[in-house]
Amino acid sequence: MWGSIGPAELILLMFIILLVFGSKRLPELARGIGKGVRQFNQAIEDVKEEIDIKDIDKQLRG
């Protein structure tokens, strides 16, 4: 899906977002999206760490 989106489509999408949310709410929206992405990435890292801990514990006991 993302491979078929070109620069023209991205510009159009940004323009539509600007029209819908307005220039004053755009920074707030970007901060919210950034915070969500950071939380998602942190959750992924936590799961990876938990899996590694379980594997190490299993190797030590087994």
PDB file of N, CA and C in Angstrom:
ATOM      1  N   MET A   1       0.812  -1.189   0.000  1.00  0.00           N
ATOM      2  CA  MET A   1       0.000   0.000   0.000  1.00  0.00           C
ATOM      3  C   MET A   1       0.858   1.257   0.000  1.00  0.00           C
ATOM      4  N   TRP A   2       1.839   1.339   0.916  1.00  0.00           N
ATOM      5  CA  TRP A   2       2.649   2.550   1.022  1.00  0.00           C
ATOM      6  C   TRP A   2       3.575   2.715  -0.163  1.00  0.00           C
ATOM      7  N   GLY A   3       3.912   1.637  -0.843  1.00  0.00           N
ATOM      8  CA  GLY A   3       4.810   1.732  -1.976  1.00  0.00           C
ATOM      9  C   GLY A   3       4.192   2.461  -3.151  1.00  0.00           C
ATOM     10  N   SER A   4       2.874   2.535  -3.201  1.00  0.00           N
ATOM     11  CA  SER A   4       2.205   3.165  -4.335  1.00  0.00           C
ATOM     12  C   SER A   4       1.902   4.647  -4.103  1.00  0.00           C
ATOM     13  N   ILE A   5       2.202   5.165  -2.916  1.00  0.00           N
ATOM     14  CA  ILE A   5       1.945   6.580  -2.629  1.00  0.00           C
ATOM     15  C   ILE A   5       3.171   7.392  -3.024  1.00  0.00           C
ATOM     16  N   GLY A   6       2.957   8.329  -3.919  1.00  0.00           N
ATOM     17  CA  GLY A   6       4.051   9.165  -4.397  1.00  0.00           C
ATOM     18  C   GLY A   6       4.039  10.531  -3.740  1.00  0.00           C
ATOM     19  N   PRO A   7       4.974  11.386  -4.141  1.00  0.00           N
ATOM     20  CA  PRO A   7       5.070  12.727  -3.552  1.00  0.00           C
ATOM     21  C   PRO A   7       3.813  13.574  -3.774  1.00  0.00           C
ATOM     22  N   ALA A   8       3.193  13.449  -4.934  1.00  0.00           N
ATOM     23  CA  ALA A   8       1.993  14.243  -5.213  1.00  0.00           C
ATOM     24  C   ALA A   8       0.859  13.854  -4.265  1.00  0.00           C
ATOM     25  N   GLU A   9       0.715  12.557  -4.014  1.00  0.00           N
ATOM     26  CA  GLU A   9      -0.333  12.098  -3.105  1.00  0.00           C
ATOM     27  C   GLU A   9      -0.065  12.559  -1.678  1.00  0.00           C
ATOM     28  N   LEU A  10       1.205  12.544  -1.264  1.00  0.00           N
ATOM     29  CA  LEU A  10       1.556  13.002   0.082  1.00  0.00           C
ATOM     30  C   LEU A  10       1.260  14.487   0.260  1.00  0.00           C
ATOM     31  N   ILE A  11       1.568  15.277  -0.748  1.00  0.00           N
ATOM     32  CA  ILE A  11       1.287  16.715  -0.685  1.00  0.00           C
ATOM     33  C   ILE A  11      -0.216  16.948  -0.594  1.00  0.00           C
ATOM     34  N   LEU A  12      -0.987  16.219  -1.384  1.00  0.00           N
ATOM     35  CA  LEU A  12      -2.437  16.343  -1.337  1.00  0.00           C
ATOM     36  C   LEU A  12      -2.976  15.931   0.030  1.00  0.00           C
ATOM     37  N   LEU A  13      -2.452  14.863   0.575  1.00  0.00           N
ATOM     38  CA  LEU A  13      -2.874  14.398   1.891  1.00  0.00           C
ATOM     39  C   LEU A  13      -2.558  15.436   2.968  1.00  0.00           C
ATOM     40  N   MET A  14      -1.366  16.027   2.923  1.00  0.00           N
ATOM     41  CA  MET A  14      -1.006  17.062   3.899  1.00  0.00           C
ATOM     42  C   MET A  14      -1.914  18.284   3.768  1.00  0.00           C
ATOM     43  N   PHE A  15      -2.263  18.636   2.541  1.00  0.00           N
ATOM     44  CA  PHE A  15      -3.155  19.771   2.309  1.00  0.00           C
ATOM     45  C   PHE A  15      -4.539  19.504   2.895  1.00  0.00           C
ATOM     46  N   ILE A  16      -5.048  18.294   2.697  1.00  0.00           N
ATOM     47  CA  ILE A  16      -6.361  17.936   3.239  1.00  0.00           C
ATOM     48  C   ILE A  16      -6.329  17.957   4.768  1.00  0.00           C
ATOM     49  N   ILE A  17      -5.265  17.422   5.352  1.00  0.00           N
ATOM     50  CA  ILE A  17      -5.127  17.438   6.814  1.00  0.00           C
ATOM     51  C   ILE A  17      -5.088  18.872   7.327  1.00  0.00           C
ATOM     52  N   LEU A  18      -4.369  19.738   6.628  1.00  0.00           N
ATOM     53  CA  LEU A  18      -4.299  21.148   7.018  1.00  0.00           C
ATOM     54  C   LEU A  18      -5.677  21.799   6.961  1.00  0.00           C
ATOM     55  N   LEU A  19      -6.449  21.484   5.927  1.00  0.00           N
ATOM     56  CA  LEU A  19      -7.796  22.043   5.818  1.00  0.00           C
ATOM     57  C   LEU A  19      -8.723  21.526   6.915  1.00  0.00           C
ATOM     58  N   VAL A  20      -8.611  20.253   7.234  1.00  0.00           N
ATOM     59  CA  VAL A  20      -9.510  19.654   8.219  1.00  0.00           C
ATOM     60  C   VAL A  20      -9.194  20.140   9.631  1.00  0.00           C
ATOM     61  N   PHE A  21      -7.923  20.134   9.996  1.00  0.00           N
ATOM     62  CA  PHE A  21      -7.549  20.447  11.375  1.00  0.00           C
ATOM     63  C   PHE A  21      -7.168  21.905  11.588  1.00  0.00           C
ATOM     64  N   GLY A  22      -6.792  22.599  10.562  1.00  0.00           N
ATOM     65  CA  GLY A  22      -6.387  23.987  10.702  1.00  0.00           C
ATOM     66  C   GLY A  22      -4.943  24.098  11.152  1.00  0.00           C
ATOM     67  N   SER A  23      -4.348  25.246  10.886  1.00  0.00           N
ATOM     68  CA  SER A  23      -2.923  25.422  11.183  1.00  0.00           C
ATOM     69  C   SER A  23      -2.651  25.525  12.681  1.00  0.00           C
ATOM     70  N   LYS A  24      -3.634  25.936  13.467  1.00  0.00           N
ATOM     71  CA  LYS A  24      -3.409  26.089  14.910  1.00  0.00           C
ATOM     72  C   LYS A  24      -3.422  24.753  15.638  1.00  0.00           C
ATOM     73  N   ARG A  25      -4.209  23.802  15.161  1.00  0.00           N
ATOM     74  CA  ARG A  25      -4.296  22.498  15.833  1.00  0.00           C
ATOM     75  C   ARG A  25      -3.280  21.505  15.292  1.00  0.00           C
ATOM     76  N   LEU A  26      -2.624  21.822  14.190  1.00  0.00           N
ATOM     77  CA  LEU A  26      -1.684  20.889  13.572  1.00  0.00           C
ATOM     78  C   LEU A  26      -0.515  20.528  14.487  1.00  0.00           C
ATOM     79  N   PRO A  27       0.139  21.484  15.174  1.00  0.00           N
ATOM     80  CA  PRO A  27       1.223  21.103  16.091  1.00  0.00           C
ATOM     81  C   PRO A  27       0.743  20.208  17.230  1.00  0.00           C
ATOM     82  N   GLU A  28      -0.453  20.488  17.737  1.00  0.00           N
ATOM     83  CA  GLU A  28      -1.021  19.659  18.800  1.00  0.00           C
ATOM     84  C   GLU A  28      -1.269  18.237  18.294  1.00  0.00           C
ATOM     85  N   LEU A  29      -1.769  18.125  17.093  1.00  0.00           N
ATOM     86  CA  LEU A  29      -2.012  16.817  16.482  1.00  0.00           C
ATOM     87  C   LEU A  29      -0.698  16.063  16.282  1.00  0.00           C
ATOM     88  N   ALA A  30       0.323  16.763  15.806  1.00  0.00           N
ATOM     89  CA  ALA A  30       1.628  16.130  15.585  1.00  0.00           C
ATOM     90  C   ALA A  30       2.238  15.654  16.903  1.00  0.00           C
ATOM     91  N   ARG A  31       2.112  16.453  17.959  1.00  0.00           N
ATOM     92  CA  ARG A  31       2.617  16.032  19.272  1.00  0.00           C
ATOM     93  C   ARG A  31       1.899  14.779  19.756  1.00  0.00           C
ATOM     94  N   GLY A  32       0.598  14.742  19.578  1.00  0.00           N
ATOM     95  CA  GLY A  32      -0.176  13.578  19.995  1.00  0.00           C
ATOM     96  C   GLY A  32       0.221  12.325  19.233  1.00  0.00           C
ATOM     97  N   ILE A  33       0.420  12.465  17.938  1.00  0.00           N
ATOM     98  CA  ILE A  33       0.851  11.322  17.126  1.00  0.00           C
ATOM     99  C   ILE A  33       2.243  10.883  17.542  1.00  0.00           C
ATOM    100  N   GLY A  34       3.137  11.834  17.764  1.00  0.00           N
ATOM    101  CA  GLY A  34       4.498  11.504  18.194  1.00  0.00           C
ATOM    102  C   GLY A  34       4.515  10.786  19.531  1.00  0.00           C
ATOM    103  N   LYS A  35       3.691  11.255  20.458  1.00  0.00           N
ATOM    104  CA  LYS A  35       3.607  10.610  21.773  1.00  0.00           C
ATOM    105  C   LYS A  35       3.085   9.183  21.638  1.00  0.00           C
ATOM    106  N   GLY A  36       2.089   8.997  20.799  1.00  0.00           N
ATOM    107  CA  GLY A  36       1.542   7.661  20.575  1.00  0.00           C
ATOM    108  C   GLY A  36       2.558   6.710  19.962  1.00  0.00           C
ATOM    109  N   VAL A  37       3.326   7.205  19.005  1.00  0.00           N
ATOM    110  CA  VAL A  37       4.355   6.380  18.362  1.00  0.00           C
ATOM    111  C   VAL A  37       5.437   6.010  19.370  1.00  0.00           C
ATOM    112  N   ARG A  38       5.859   6.969  20.205  1.00  0.00           N
ATOM    113  CA  ARG A  38       6.865   6.677  21.228  1.00  0.00           C
ATOM    114  C   ARG A  38       6.368   5.621  22.210  1.00  0.00           C
ATOM    115  N   GLN A  39       5.123   5.738  22.644  1.00  0.00           N
ATOM    116  CA  GLN A  39       4.558   4.757  23.573  1.00  0.00           C
ATOM    117  C   GLN A  39       4.472   3.380  22.926  1.00  0.00           C
ATOM    118  N   PHE A  40       4.101   3.335  21.665  1.00  0.00           N
ATOM    119  CA  PHE A  40       4.023   2.065  20.944  1.00  0.00           C
ATOM    120  C   PHE A  40       5.396   1.423  20.835  1.00  0.00           C
ATOM    121  N   ASN A  41       6.401   2.216  20.470  1.00  0.00           N
ATOM    122  CA  ASN A  41       7.764   1.687  20.359  1.00  0.00           C
ATOM    123  C   ASN A  41       8.293   1.222  21.709  1.00  0.00           C
ATOM    124  N   GLN A  42       7.974   1.943  22.776  1.00  0.00           N
ATOM    125  CA  GLN A  42       8.401   1.531  24.112  1.00  0.00           C
ATOM    126  C   GLN A  42       7.742   0.214  24.498  1.00  0.00           C
ATOM    127  N   ALA A  43       6.476   0.054  24.159  1.00  0.00           N
ATOM    128  CA  ALA A  43       5.777  -1.199  24.458  1.00  0.00           C
ATOM    129  C   ALA A  43       6.410  -2.363  23.705  1.00  0.00           C
ATOM    130  N   ILE A  44       6.804  -2.142  22.467  1.00  0.00           N
ATOM    131  CA  ILE A  44       7.474  -3.190  21.687  1.00  0.00           C
ATOM    132  C   ILE A  44       8.793  -3.566  22.344  1.00  0.00           C
ATOM    133  N   GLU A  45       9.567  -2.572  22.776  1.00  0.00           N
ATOM    134  CA  GLU A  45      10.841  -2.853  23.438  1.00  0.00           C
ATOM    135  C   GLU A  45      10.625  -3.599  24.753  1.00  0.00           C
ATOM    136  N   ASP A  46       9.591  -3.235  25.498  1.00  0.00           N
ATOM    137  CA  ASP A  46       9.290  -3.927  26.757  1.00  0.00           C
ATOM    138  C   ASP A  46       8.953  -5.393  26.506  1.00  0.00           C
ATOM    139  N   VAL A  47       8.182  -5.656  25.469  1.00  0.00           N
ATOM    140  CA  VAL A  47       7.823  -7.040  25.137  1.00  0.00           C
ATOM    141  C   VAL A  47       9.063  -7.821  24.720  1.00  0.00           C
ATOM    142  N   LYS A  48       9.918  -7.212  23.909  1.00  0.00           N
ATOM    143  CA  LYS A  48      11.155  -7.887  23.491  1.00  0.00           C
ATOM    144  C   LYS A  48      12.023  -8.214  24.700  1.00  0.00           C
ATOM    145  N   GLU A  49      12.128  -7.267  25.624  1.00  0.00           N
ATOM    146  CA  GLU A  49      12.932  -7.476  26.830  1.00  0.00           C
ATOM    147  C   GLU A  49      12.339  -8.598  27.679  1.00  0.00           C
ATOM    148  N   GLU A  50      11.031  -8.612  27.813  1.00  0.00           N
ATOM    149  CA  GLU A  50      10.359  -9.656  28.595  1.00  0.00           C
ATOM    150  C   GLU A  50      10.574 -11.029  27.961  1.00  0.00           C
ATOM    151  N   ILE A  51      10.529 -11.105  26.657  1.00  0.00           N
ATOM    152  CA  ILE A  51      10.772 -12.379  25.967  1.00  0.00           C
ATOM    153  C   ILE A  51      12.199 -12.837  26.209  1.00  0.00           C
ATOM    154  N   ASP A  52      13.158 -11.915  26.137  1.00  0.00           N
ATOM    155  CA  ASP A  52      14.559 -12.264  26.387  1.00  0.00           C
ATOM    156  C   ASP A  52      14.750 -12.759  27.818  1.00  0.00           C
ATOM    157  N   ILE A  53      14.102 -12.115  28.778  1.00  0.00           N
ATOM    158  CA  ILE A  53      14.219 -12.524  30.184  1.00  0.00           C
ATOM    159  C   ILE A  53      13.653 -13.929  30.368  1.00  0.00           C
ATOM    160  N   LYS A  54      12.520 -14.212  29.752  1.00  0.00           N
ATOM    161  CA  LYS A  54      11.918 -15.540  29.866  1.00  0.00           C
ATOM    162  C   LYS A  54      12.821 -16.602  29.239  1.00  0.00           C
ATOM    163  N   ASP A  55      13.443 -16.275  28.094  1.00  0.00           N
ATOM    164  CA  ASP A  55      14.345 -17.228  27.441  1.00  0.00           C
ATOM    165  C   ASP A  55      15.564 -17.514  28.313  1.00  0.00           C
ATOM    166  N   ILE A  56      16.132 -16.483  28.911  1.00  0.00           N
ATOM    167  CA  ILE A  56      17.306 -16.657  29.777  1.00  0.00           C
ATOM    168  C   ILE A  56      16.925 -17.473  31.006  1.00  0.00           C
ATOM    169  N   ASP A  57      15.769 -17.164  31.598  1.00  0.00           N
ATOM    170  CA  ASP A  57      15.308 -17.904  32.773  1.00  0.00           C
ATOM    171  C   ASP A  57      15.080 -19.376  32.425  1.00  0.00           C
ATOM    172  N   LYS A  58      14.513 -19.624  31.267  1.00  0.00           N
ATOM    173  CA  LYS A  58      14.262 -20.996  30.832  1.00  0.00           C
ATOM    174  C   LYS A  58      15.583 -21.746  30.630  1.00  0.00           C
ATOM    175  N   GLN A  59      16.593 -21.078  30.071  1.00  0.00           N
ATOM    176  CA  GLN A  59      17.891 -21.713  29.847  1.00  0.00           C
ATOM    177  C   GLN A  59      18.589 -22.009  31.169  1.00  0.00           C
ATOM    178  N   LEU A  60      18.466 -21.103  32.140  1.00  0.00           N
ATOM    179  CA  LEU A  60      19.115 -21.318  33.430  1.00  0.00           C
ATOM    180  C   LEU A  60      18.460 -22.459  34.206  1.00  0.00           C
ATOM    181  N   ARG A  61      17.171 -22.581  34.105  1.00  0.00           N
ATOM    182  CA  ARG A  61      16.448 -23.626  34.830  1.00  0.00           C
ATOM    183  C   ARG A  61      16.483 -24.965  34.096  1.00  0.00           C
ATOM    184  N   GLY A  62      16.603 -24.920  32.804  1.00  0.00           N
ATOM    185  CA  GLY A  62      16.456 -26.142  32.021  1.00  0.00           C
ATOM    186  C   GLY A  62      17.733 -26.710  31.622  1.00  0.00           C
TER     187      GLY A  62
END
